[in-house]
Amino acid sequence: MAAKKAAKESQKRSELYSVDGQGKATTTRRHCPRCGPGVFMGEHKDRFSCGKCGYTEFKQ
């Protein structure tokens, strides 16, 4: 029998934004420069990557 994989927990959309004292919402993640606003880049230990187009920026 094959072992069951653990269910991957997705991040809540409310965790992608922060709200300041005046009620203005700002993003906490970077947007993909190729795909534009609305597509967030994933943050890894050594890089930022877009899951839609595959664009990658390495941290220095």
N, C-alpha and C. Protein backbone atom coordinates (compact mmCIF):
# COMPACT_ATOMS: atom_id res chain seq x y z
N MET A 1 0.83 -1.18 0.00
CA MET A 1 0.00 0.00 0.00
C MET A 1 0.87 1.25 0.00
N ALA A 2 0.44 2.24 -0.70
CA ALA A 2 1.17 3.50 -0.76
C ALA A 2 0.84 4.35 0.46
N ALA A 3 1.84 5.07 0.92
CA ALA A 3 1.63 5.95 2.07
C ALA A 3 0.83 7.17 1.64
N LYS A 4 -0.02 7.68 2.53
CA LYS A 4 -0.82 8.86 2.23
C LYS A 4 0.05 10.10 2.36
N LYS A 5 -0.17 11.05 1.44
CA LYS A 5 0.54 12.32 1.51
C LYS A 5 -0.20 13.26 2.46
N ALA A 6 0.57 14.11 3.13
CA ALA A 6 -0.02 15.09 4.02
C ALA A 6 -0.72 16.16 3.19
N ALA A 7 -1.84 16.62 3.66
CA ALA A 7 -2.58 17.66 2.95
C ALA A 7 -1.84 18.98 3.06
N LYS A 8 -1.65 19.66 1.93
CA LYS A 8 -0.95 20.93 1.90
C LYS A 8 -1.92 22.04 2.29
N GLU A 9 -1.54 22.83 3.29
CA GLU A 9 -2.39 23.91 3.73
C GLU A 9 -2.11 25.14 2.88
N SER A 10 -3.15 25.74 2.35
CA SER A 10 -2.99 26.95 1.55
C SER A 10 -3.05 28.17 2.47
N GLN A 11 -2.45 29.25 2.01
CA GLN A 11 -2.42 30.46 2.80
C GLN A 11 -3.71 31.23 2.59
N LYS A 12 -4.21 31.82 3.64
CA LYS A 12 -5.44 32.60 3.54
C LYS A 12 -5.16 33.91 2.81
N ARG A 13 -6.10 34.38 2.05
CA ARG A 13 -5.93 35.62 1.30
C ARG A 13 -5.73 36.80 2.25
N SER A 14 -6.32 36.76 3.43
CA SER A 14 -6.18 37.86 4.38
C SER A 14 -4.74 37.96 4.91
N GLU A 15 -3.95 36.91 4.80
CA GLU A 15 -2.56 36.95 5.24
C GLU A 15 -1.65 37.60 4.21
N LEU A 16 -2.14 37.85 2.99
CA LEU A 16 -1.34 38.48 1.95
C LEU A 16 -1.39 40.00 2.02
N TYR A 17 -2.26 40.56 2.86
CA TYR A 17 -2.41 42.00 2.97
C TYR A 17 -2.28 42.42 4.43
N SER A 18 -1.82 43.67 4.64
CA SER A 18 -1.79 44.24 5.98
C SER A 18 -2.56 45.56 5.93
N VAL A 19 -3.24 45.88 7.03
CA VAL A 19 -4.06 47.08 7.11
C VAL A 19 -3.45 48.00 8.15
N ASP A 20 -3.21 49.28 7.76
CA ASP A 20 -2.65 50.23 8.70
C ASP A 20 -3.77 50.86 9.54
N GLY A 21 -3.40 51.80 10.39
CA GLY A 21 -4.36 52.41 11.31
C GLY A 21 -5.45 53.21 10.62
N GLN A 22 -5.20 53.70 9.41
CA GLN A 22 -6.20 54.49 8.70
C GLN A 22 -7.10 53.64 7.82
N GLY A 23 -6.89 52.34 7.81
CA GLY A 23 -7.74 51.44 7.03
C GLY A 23 -7.24 51.17 5.63
N LYS A 24 -6.00 51.59 5.32
CA LYS A 24 -5.45 51.37 3.98
C LYS A 24 -4.77 50.00 3.94
N ALA A 25 -5.12 49.20 2.94
CA ALA A 25 -4.56 47.86 2.79
C ALA A 25 -3.36 47.90 1.86
N THR A 26 -2.27 47.23 2.25
CA THR A 26 -1.09 47.10 1.41
C THR A 26 -0.69 45.64 1.34
N THR A 27 -0.03 45.26 0.26
CA THR A 27 0.36 43.87 0.10
C THR A 27 1.62 43.57 0.89
N THR A 28 1.73 42.35 1.38
CA THR A 28 2.93 41.94 2.10
C THR A 28 3.84 41.10 1.21
N ARG A 29 3.36 40.69 0.06
CA ARG A 29 4.14 39.89 -0.88
C ARG A 29 4.48 40.70 -2.12
N ARG A 30 5.47 40.22 -2.86
CA ARG A 30 5.88 40.87 -4.10
C ARG A 30 4.98 40.40 -5.24
N HIS A 31 4.76 41.28 -6.22
CA HIS A 31 4.03 40.92 -7.43
C HIS A 31 5.02 40.46 -8.49
N CYS A 32 4.57 39.62 -9.39
CA CYS A 32 5.41 39.16 -10.49
C CYS A 32 5.54 40.29 -11.52
N PRO A 33 6.77 40.64 -11.94
CA PRO A 33 6.92 41.71 -12.93
C PRO A 33 6.41 41.32 -14.32
N ARG A 34 6.37 40.05 -14.63
CA ARG A 34 5.85 39.61 -15.94
C ARG A 34 4.34 39.55 -15.95
N CYS A 35 3.75 38.95 -14.93
CA CYS A 35 2.29 38.75 -14.89
C CYS A 35 1.54 39.99 -14.44
N GLY A 36 2.17 40.85 -13.66
CA GLY A 36 1.54 42.09 -13.22
C GLY A 36 0.85 41.95 -11.88
N PRO A 37 0.17 43.02 -11.46
CA PRO A 37 -0.52 43.01 -10.17
C PRO A 37 -1.58 41.92 -10.11
N GLY A 38 -1.71 41.33 -8.95
CA GLY A 38 -2.69 40.27 -8.76
C GLY A 38 -2.08 38.89 -8.73
N VAL A 39 -0.83 38.75 -9.20
CA VAL A 39 -0.14 37.46 -9.17
C VAL A 39 1.04 37.61 -8.22
N PHE A 40 0.97 36.96 -7.08
CA PHE A 40 2.01 37.07 -6.07
C PHE A 40 3.13 36.07 -6.33
N MET A 41 4.33 36.43 -5.91
CA MET A 41 5.48 35.55 -6.04
C MET A 41 5.67 34.80 -4.72
N GLY A 42 6.01 33.53 -4.81
CA GLY A 42 6.27 32.73 -3.64
C GLY A 42 7.66 33.02 -3.10
N GLU A 43 7.79 33.05 -1.77
CA GLU A 43 9.08 33.34 -1.15
C GLU A 43 9.67 32.04 -0.60
N HIS A 44 10.84 31.70 -1.10
CA HIS A 44 11.57 30.52 -0.66
C HIS A 44 12.80 30.96 0.11
N LYS A 45 13.58 30.01 0.57
CA LYS A 45 14.77 30.32 1.36
C LYS A 45 15.78 31.14 0.58
N ASP A 46 15.97 30.84 -0.70
CA ASP A 46 17.01 31.48 -1.50
C ASP A 46 16.49 32.21 -2.73
N ARG A 47 15.16 32.31 -2.91
CA ARG A 47 14.65 32.91 -4.14
C ARG A 47 13.18 33.32 -3.98
N PHE A 48 12.72 34.16 -4.92
CA PHE A 48 11.31 34.48 -5.11
C PHE A 48 10.92 33.86 -6.44
N SER A 49 9.76 33.22 -6.52
CA SER A 49 9.36 32.60 -7.78
C SER A 49 7.86 32.76 -8.00
N CYS A 50 7.52 32.89 -9.30
CA CYS A 50 6.12 33.00 -9.71
C CYS A 50 5.63 31.60 -10.07
N GLY A 51 4.50 31.20 -9.53
CA GLY A 51 3.94 29.90 -9.82
C GLY A 51 3.19 29.85 -11.14
N LYS A 52 2.88 31.02 -11.70
CA LYS A 52 2.12 31.06 -12.94
C LYS A 52 3.02 30.99 -14.17
N CYS A 53 4.07 31.85 -14.21
CA CYS A 53 4.91 31.90 -15.41
C CYS A 53 6.31 31.32 -15.20
N GLY A 54 6.71 31.08 -13.94
CA GLY A 54 8.02 30.49 -13.67
C GLY A 54 9.14 31.49 -13.49
N TYR A 55 8.84 32.79 -13.48
CA TYR A 55 9.85 33.82 -13.30
C TYR A 55 10.50 33.66 -11.93
N THR A 56 11.83 33.76 -11.85
CA THR A 56 12.56 33.56 -10.60
C THR A 56 13.56 34.67 -10.39
N GLU A 57 13.62 35.20 -9.17
CA GLU A 57 14.64 36.16 -8.75
C GLU A 57 15.33 35.55 -7.53
N PHE A 58 16.66 35.53 -7.57
CA PHE A 58 17.41 34.95 -6.48
C PHE A 58 17.75 36.03 -5.44
N LYS A 59 17.71 35.65 -4.17
CA LYS A 59 18.09 36.56 -3.09
C LYS A 59 19.60 36.65 -3.03
N GLN A 60 20.07 37.78 -2.54
CA GLN A 60 21.52 37.94 -2.44
C GLN A 60 21.97 38.07 -1.03
